[in-house]
Every structure is written in structure tokens, then in C-alpha cells.
Amino acid sequence: MLFWGPFSGMNVLKILLLIGIGLVVWGLIRGFKRSFDTPPGDASTPTAETMVKCAYCGVNLPRSEAIYSHDAFYCTAEHQKLGQS
């Protein structure tokens, strides 16, 4: 026999099984922790915003910051008044 005493046949299999289960549990816990460390893909990717041109001065600005009036975009309320004159 290759093994004798406390390391005979079934004891070795039990030890190897416990080591295998321990490695699987360790891998699952590690993967679970890693999922909390990484931010979601959607939040880290900035979205591009459409740019528009001021009808009065020609400055480009994000559409969300522009003033839309009479089928044209303006960068300020003053340019809106001057552009409609």
C-alpha cells in the first residue's frame, strides 16, 4: 500500500474533496466581491449630446443648454431677442 495510517484510501479522498470544495467556495466569493468593485457599464459610459449652433452668433453649444425659439437655437436670451428683430 502506498498510504498507511491516517492517510489511507478514503481519508485521502475526503481531504481532496474538502480542498476542492474549499477552492470552489473561495472562487465564488472572490467573483462575488469583484462584481461589487466594478461599476456598471452604463454608468461609466458618457452619452454624446447633440450640438446646435446659435442662430445669432454661430457658437456651438449642447442642445440641452440652448434656447429654442421660432425654429432656431440661441445661446442666450439676449441673442434670442436680437435674432428675432
N, C-alpha and C. Protein backbone atom coordinates (compact mmCIF):
# COMPACT_ATOMS: atom_id res chain seq x y z
N MET A 1 0.82 -1.18 0.00
CA MET A 1 0.00 0.00 0.00
C MET A 1 0.87 1.25 0.00
N LEU A 2 0.39 2.25 -0.75
CA LEU A 2 1.15 3.48 -0.82
C LEU A 2 0.98 4.33 0.44
N PHE A 3 -0.25 4.41 0.95
CA PHE A 3 -0.53 5.20 2.15
C PHE A 3 -0.86 4.28 3.31
N TRP A 4 -0.53 4.71 4.47
CA TRP A 4 -0.85 3.93 5.66
C TRP A 4 -1.23 4.88 6.79
N GLY A 5 -1.78 4.35 7.81
CA GLY A 5 -2.16 5.14 8.98
C GLY A 5 -3.31 6.09 8.67
N PRO A 6 -3.23 7.34 9.14
CA PRO A 6 -4.34 8.29 8.97
C PRO A 6 -4.55 8.70 7.51
N PHE A 7 -3.59 8.45 6.62
CA PHE A 7 -3.71 8.85 5.22
C PHE A 7 -4.05 7.67 4.31
N SER A 8 -4.86 6.78 4.76
CA SER A 8 -5.18 5.61 3.95
C SER A 8 -6.42 5.89 3.10
N GLY A 9 -6.50 5.31 1.94
CA GLY A 9 -7.60 5.30 0.99
C GLY A 9 -8.65 6.40 1.10
N MET A 10 -9.70 6.18 1.87
CA MET A 10 -10.84 7.07 1.95
C MET A 10 -10.50 8.40 2.61
N ASN A 11 -9.57 8.41 3.54
CA ASN A 11 -9.19 9.66 4.19
C ASN A 11 -8.58 10.64 3.19
N VAL A 12 -7.77 10.13 2.28
CA VAL A 12 -7.15 10.98 1.26
C VAL A 12 -8.22 11.55 0.35
N LEU A 13 -9.19 10.73 -0.04
CA LEU A 13 -10.28 11.21 -0.88
C LEU A 13 -11.10 12.28 -0.18
N LYS A 14 -11.35 12.12 1.10
CA LYS A 14 -12.10 13.12 1.86
C LYS A 14 -11.34 14.43 1.92
N ILE A 15 -10.03 14.36 2.15
CA ILE A 15 -9.20 15.57 2.22
C ILE A 15 -9.20 16.28 0.86
N LEU A 16 -9.03 15.54 -0.23
CA LEU A 16 -9.04 16.13 -1.57
C LEU A 16 -10.40 16.74 -1.90
N LEU A 17 -11.47 16.08 -1.49
CA LEU A 17 -12.81 16.60 -1.71
C LEU A 17 -13.01 17.90 -0.95
N LEU A 18 -12.58 17.95 0.30
CA LEU A 18 -12.70 19.18 1.10
C LEU A 18 -11.88 20.32 0.49
N ILE A 19 -10.68 20.01 0.02
CA ILE A 19 -9.84 21.04 -0.62
C ILE A 19 -10.54 21.55 -1.89
N GLY A 20 -11.10 20.64 -2.68
CA GLY A 20 -11.81 21.03 -3.90
C GLY A 20 -13.02 21.92 -3.60
N ILE A 21 -13.80 21.53 -2.61
CA ILE A 21 -14.96 22.34 -2.22
C ILE A 21 -14.52 23.71 -1.72
N GLY A 22 -13.45 23.72 -0.95
CA GLY A 22 -12.92 24.99 -0.44
C GLY A 22 -12.50 25.91 -1.58
N LEU A 23 -11.84 25.37 -2.60
CA LEU A 23 -11.41 26.18 -3.74
C LEU A 23 -12.60 26.73 -4.53
N VAL A 24 -13.63 25.92 -4.70
CA VAL A 24 -14.83 26.37 -5.40
C VAL A 24 -15.51 27.50 -4.62
N VAL A 25 -15.67 27.33 -3.33
CA VAL A 25 -16.28 28.37 -2.50
C VAL A 25 -15.45 29.64 -2.53
N TRP A 26 -14.14 29.51 -2.43
CA TRP A 26 -13.24 30.67 -2.48
C TRP A 26 -13.39 31.40 -3.81
N GLY A 27 -13.45 30.66 -4.91
CA GLY A 27 -13.62 31.28 -6.23
C GLY A 27 -14.95 32.00 -6.36
N LEU A 28 -16.02 31.41 -5.83
CA LEU A 28 -17.33 32.07 -5.89
C LEU A 28 -17.35 33.36 -5.07
N ILE A 29 -16.78 33.31 -3.88
CA ILE A 29 -16.74 34.51 -3.04
C ILE A 29 -15.91 35.60 -3.70
N ARG A 30 -14.79 35.22 -4.27
CA ARG A 30 -13.92 36.20 -4.94
C ARG A 30 -14.63 36.84 -6.13
N GLY A 31 -15.33 36.04 -6.93
CA GLY A 31 -16.09 36.57 -8.06
C GLY A 31 -17.23 37.47 -7.62
N PHE A 32 -17.89 37.11 -6.52
CA PHE A 32 -18.97 37.92 -5.99
C PHE A 32 -18.46 39.28 -5.52
N LYS A 33 -17.31 39.28 -4.84
CA LYS A 33 -16.72 40.55 -4.39
C LYS A 33 -16.30 41.41 -5.57
N ARG A 34 -15.75 40.79 -6.60
CA ARG A 34 -15.29 41.52 -7.78
C ARG A 34 -16.46 42.20 -8.49
N SER A 35 -17.63 41.58 -8.47
CA SER A 35 -18.79 42.18 -9.13
C SER A 35 -19.23 43.47 -8.43
N PHE A 36 -18.95 43.60 -7.13
CA PHE A 36 -19.28 44.82 -6.42
C PHE A 36 -18.24 45.92 -6.67
N ASP A 37 -17.01 45.54 -6.98
CA ASP A 37 -15.94 46.52 -7.17
C ASP A 37 -16.03 47.23 -8.51
N THR A 38 -16.58 46.59 -9.53
CA THR A 38 -16.65 47.20 -10.86
C THR A 38 -17.96 47.94 -11.02
N PRO A 39 -17.89 49.18 -11.54
CA PRO A 39 -19.13 49.94 -11.76
C PRO A 39 -19.88 49.36 -12.95
N PRO A 40 -21.17 49.56 -12.99
CA PRO A 40 -21.94 49.08 -14.12
C PRO A 40 -21.49 49.73 -15.42
N GLY A 41 -21.60 49.04 -16.52
CA GLY A 41 -21.14 49.53 -17.81
C GLY A 41 -21.87 50.77 -18.27
N ASP A 42 -23.16 50.86 -17.97
CA ASP A 42 -23.93 52.00 -18.44
C ASP A 42 -23.52 53.29 -17.75
N ALA A 43 -23.23 53.25 -16.49
CA ALA A 43 -22.91 54.46 -15.75
C ALA A 43 -21.54 55.01 -16.12
N SER A 44 -20.61 54.19 -16.49
CA SER A 44 -19.28 54.67 -16.80
C SER A 44 -19.15 55.20 -18.22
N THR A 45 -20.10 54.91 -19.11
CA THR A 45 -20.03 55.36 -20.49
C THR A 45 -20.83 56.65 -20.64
N PRO A 46 -20.14 57.77 -20.88
CA PRO A 46 -20.87 59.01 -21.07
C PRO A 46 -21.61 59.00 -22.42
N THR A 47 -22.77 59.62 -22.44
CA THR A 47 -23.54 59.67 -23.67
C THR A 47 -23.23 60.96 -24.41
N ALA A 48 -23.16 60.88 -25.72
CA ALA A 48 -22.89 62.05 -26.54
C ALA A 48 -24.17 62.86 -26.67
N GLU A 49 -24.02 64.17 -26.64
CA GLU A 49 -25.18 65.05 -26.74
C GLU A 49 -25.11 65.81 -28.06
N THR A 50 -26.25 66.05 -28.65
CA THR A 50 -26.32 66.77 -29.91
C THR A 50 -25.92 68.23 -29.70
N MET A 51 -25.08 68.72 -30.61
CA MET A 51 -24.66 70.11 -30.56
C MET A 51 -25.48 70.91 -31.57
N VAL A 52 -25.82 72.14 -31.20
CA VAL A 52 -26.56 73.04 -32.09
C VAL A 52 -25.81 74.35 -32.20
N LYS A 53 -26.13 75.12 -33.23
CA LYS A 53 -25.45 76.39 -33.49
C LYS A 53 -26.39 77.54 -33.19
N CYS A 54 -25.88 78.55 -32.50
CA CYS A 54 -26.67 79.74 -32.21
C CYS A 54 -26.98 80.45 -33.53
N ALA A 55 -28.25 80.78 -33.75
CA ALA A 55 -28.66 81.43 -34.99
C ALA A 55 -28.14 82.85 -35.09
N TYR A 56 -27.75 83.45 -33.97
CA TYR A 56 -27.28 84.84 -33.99
C TYR A 56 -25.76 84.94 -34.12
N CYS A 57 -25.01 84.24 -33.25
CA CYS A 57 -23.54 84.40 -33.25
C CYS A 57 -22.79 83.19 -33.82
N GLY A 58 -23.46 82.07 -33.98
CA GLY A 58 -22.82 80.90 -34.57
C GLY A 58 -22.05 80.01 -33.59
N VAL A 59 -22.15 80.28 -32.31
CA VAL A 59 -21.46 79.46 -31.31
C VAL A 59 -22.14 78.10 -31.20
N ASN A 60 -21.35 77.03 -31.13
CA ASN A 60 -21.89 75.69 -30.93
C ASN A 60 -22.05 75.43 -29.44
N LEU A 61 -23.18 74.83 -29.06
CA LEU A 61 -23.44 74.51 -27.67
C LEU A 61 -24.33 73.28 -27.60
N PRO A 62 -24.33 72.58 -26.44
CA PRO A 62 -25.19 71.40 -26.30
C PRO A 62 -26.66 71.78 -26.43
N ARG A 63 -27.43 70.92 -27.04
CA ARG A 63 -28.84 71.20 -27.28
C ARG A 63 -29.59 71.44 -25.96
N SER A 64 -29.19 70.76 -24.89
CA SER A 64 -29.88 70.92 -23.60
C SER A 64 -29.66 72.30 -22.99
N GLU A 65 -28.61 73.01 -23.41
CA GLU A 65 -28.32 74.34 -22.88
C GLU A 65 -28.83 75.45 -23.79
N ALA A 66 -29.28 75.11 -24.98
CA ALA A 66 -29.71 76.11 -25.96
C ALA A 66 -31.16 76.52 -25.70
N ILE A 67 -31.48 77.71 -26.19
CA ILE A 67 -32.85 78.23 -26.13
C ILE A 67 -33.45 78.06 -27.52
N TYR A 68 -34.57 77.36 -27.61
CA TYR A 68 -35.21 77.10 -28.89
C TYR A 68 -36.39 78.04 -29.04
N SER A 69 -36.37 78.83 -30.11
CA SER A 69 -37.44 79.79 -30.34
C SER A 69 -37.58 80.06 -31.83
N HIS A 70 -38.78 80.01 -32.34
CA HIS A 70 -39.09 80.30 -33.75
C HIS A 70 -38.19 79.51 -34.70
N ASP A 71 -38.14 78.20 -34.51
CA ASP A 71 -37.39 77.28 -35.38
C ASP A 71 -35.89 77.56 -35.42
N ALA A 72 -35.34 78.13 -34.36
CA ALA A 72 -33.90 78.39 -34.30
C ALA A 72 -33.41 78.22 -32.86
N PHE A 73 -32.12 77.94 -32.73
CA PHE A 73 -31.49 77.80 -31.42
C PHE A 73 -30.65 79.03 -31.13
N TYR A 74 -30.65 79.44 -29.85
CA TYR A 74 -29.86 80.60 -29.41
C TYR A 74 -29.07 80.23 -28.16
N CYS A 75 -27.91 80.88 -27.94
CA CYS A 75 -27.07 80.56 -26.79
C CYS A 75 -27.49 81.34 -25.55
N THR A 76 -28.09 82.51 -25.72
CA THR A 76 -28.54 83.33 -24.57
C THR A 76 -29.88 83.94 -24.89
N ALA A 77 -30.55 84.43 -23.87
CA ALA A 77 -31.83 85.13 -24.08
C ALA A 77 -31.62 86.42 -24.86
N GLU A 78 -30.48 87.06 -24.64
CA GLU A 78 -30.17 88.30 -25.36
C GLU A 78 -30.05 88.04 -26.86
N HIS A 79 -29.37 86.97 -27.23
CA HIS A 79 -29.24 86.62 -28.65
C HIS A 79 -30.59 86.19 -29.23
N GLN A 80 -31.44 85.64 -28.39
CA GLN A 80 -32.77 85.26 -28.85
C GLN A 80 -33.54 86.53 -29.23
N LYS A 81 -33.46 87.57 -28.39
CA LYS A 81 -34.17 88.82 -28.68
C LYS A 81 -33.57 89.51 -29.90
N LEU A 82 -32.22 89.52 -30.00
CA LEU A 82 -31.56 90.19 -31.11
C LEU A 82 -31.80 89.43 -32.42
N GLY A 83 -31.88 88.13 -32.37
CA GLY A 83 -32.06 87.33 -33.57
C GLY A 83 -33.47 87.44 -34.14
N GLN A 84 -34.43 87.73 -33.31
CA GLN A 84 -35.82 87.83 -33.77
C GLN A 84 -36.12 89.21 -34.33
N SER A 85 -35.26 90.17 -34.14
CA SER A 85 -35.51 91.55 -34.60
C SER A 85 -35.43 91.67 -36.10
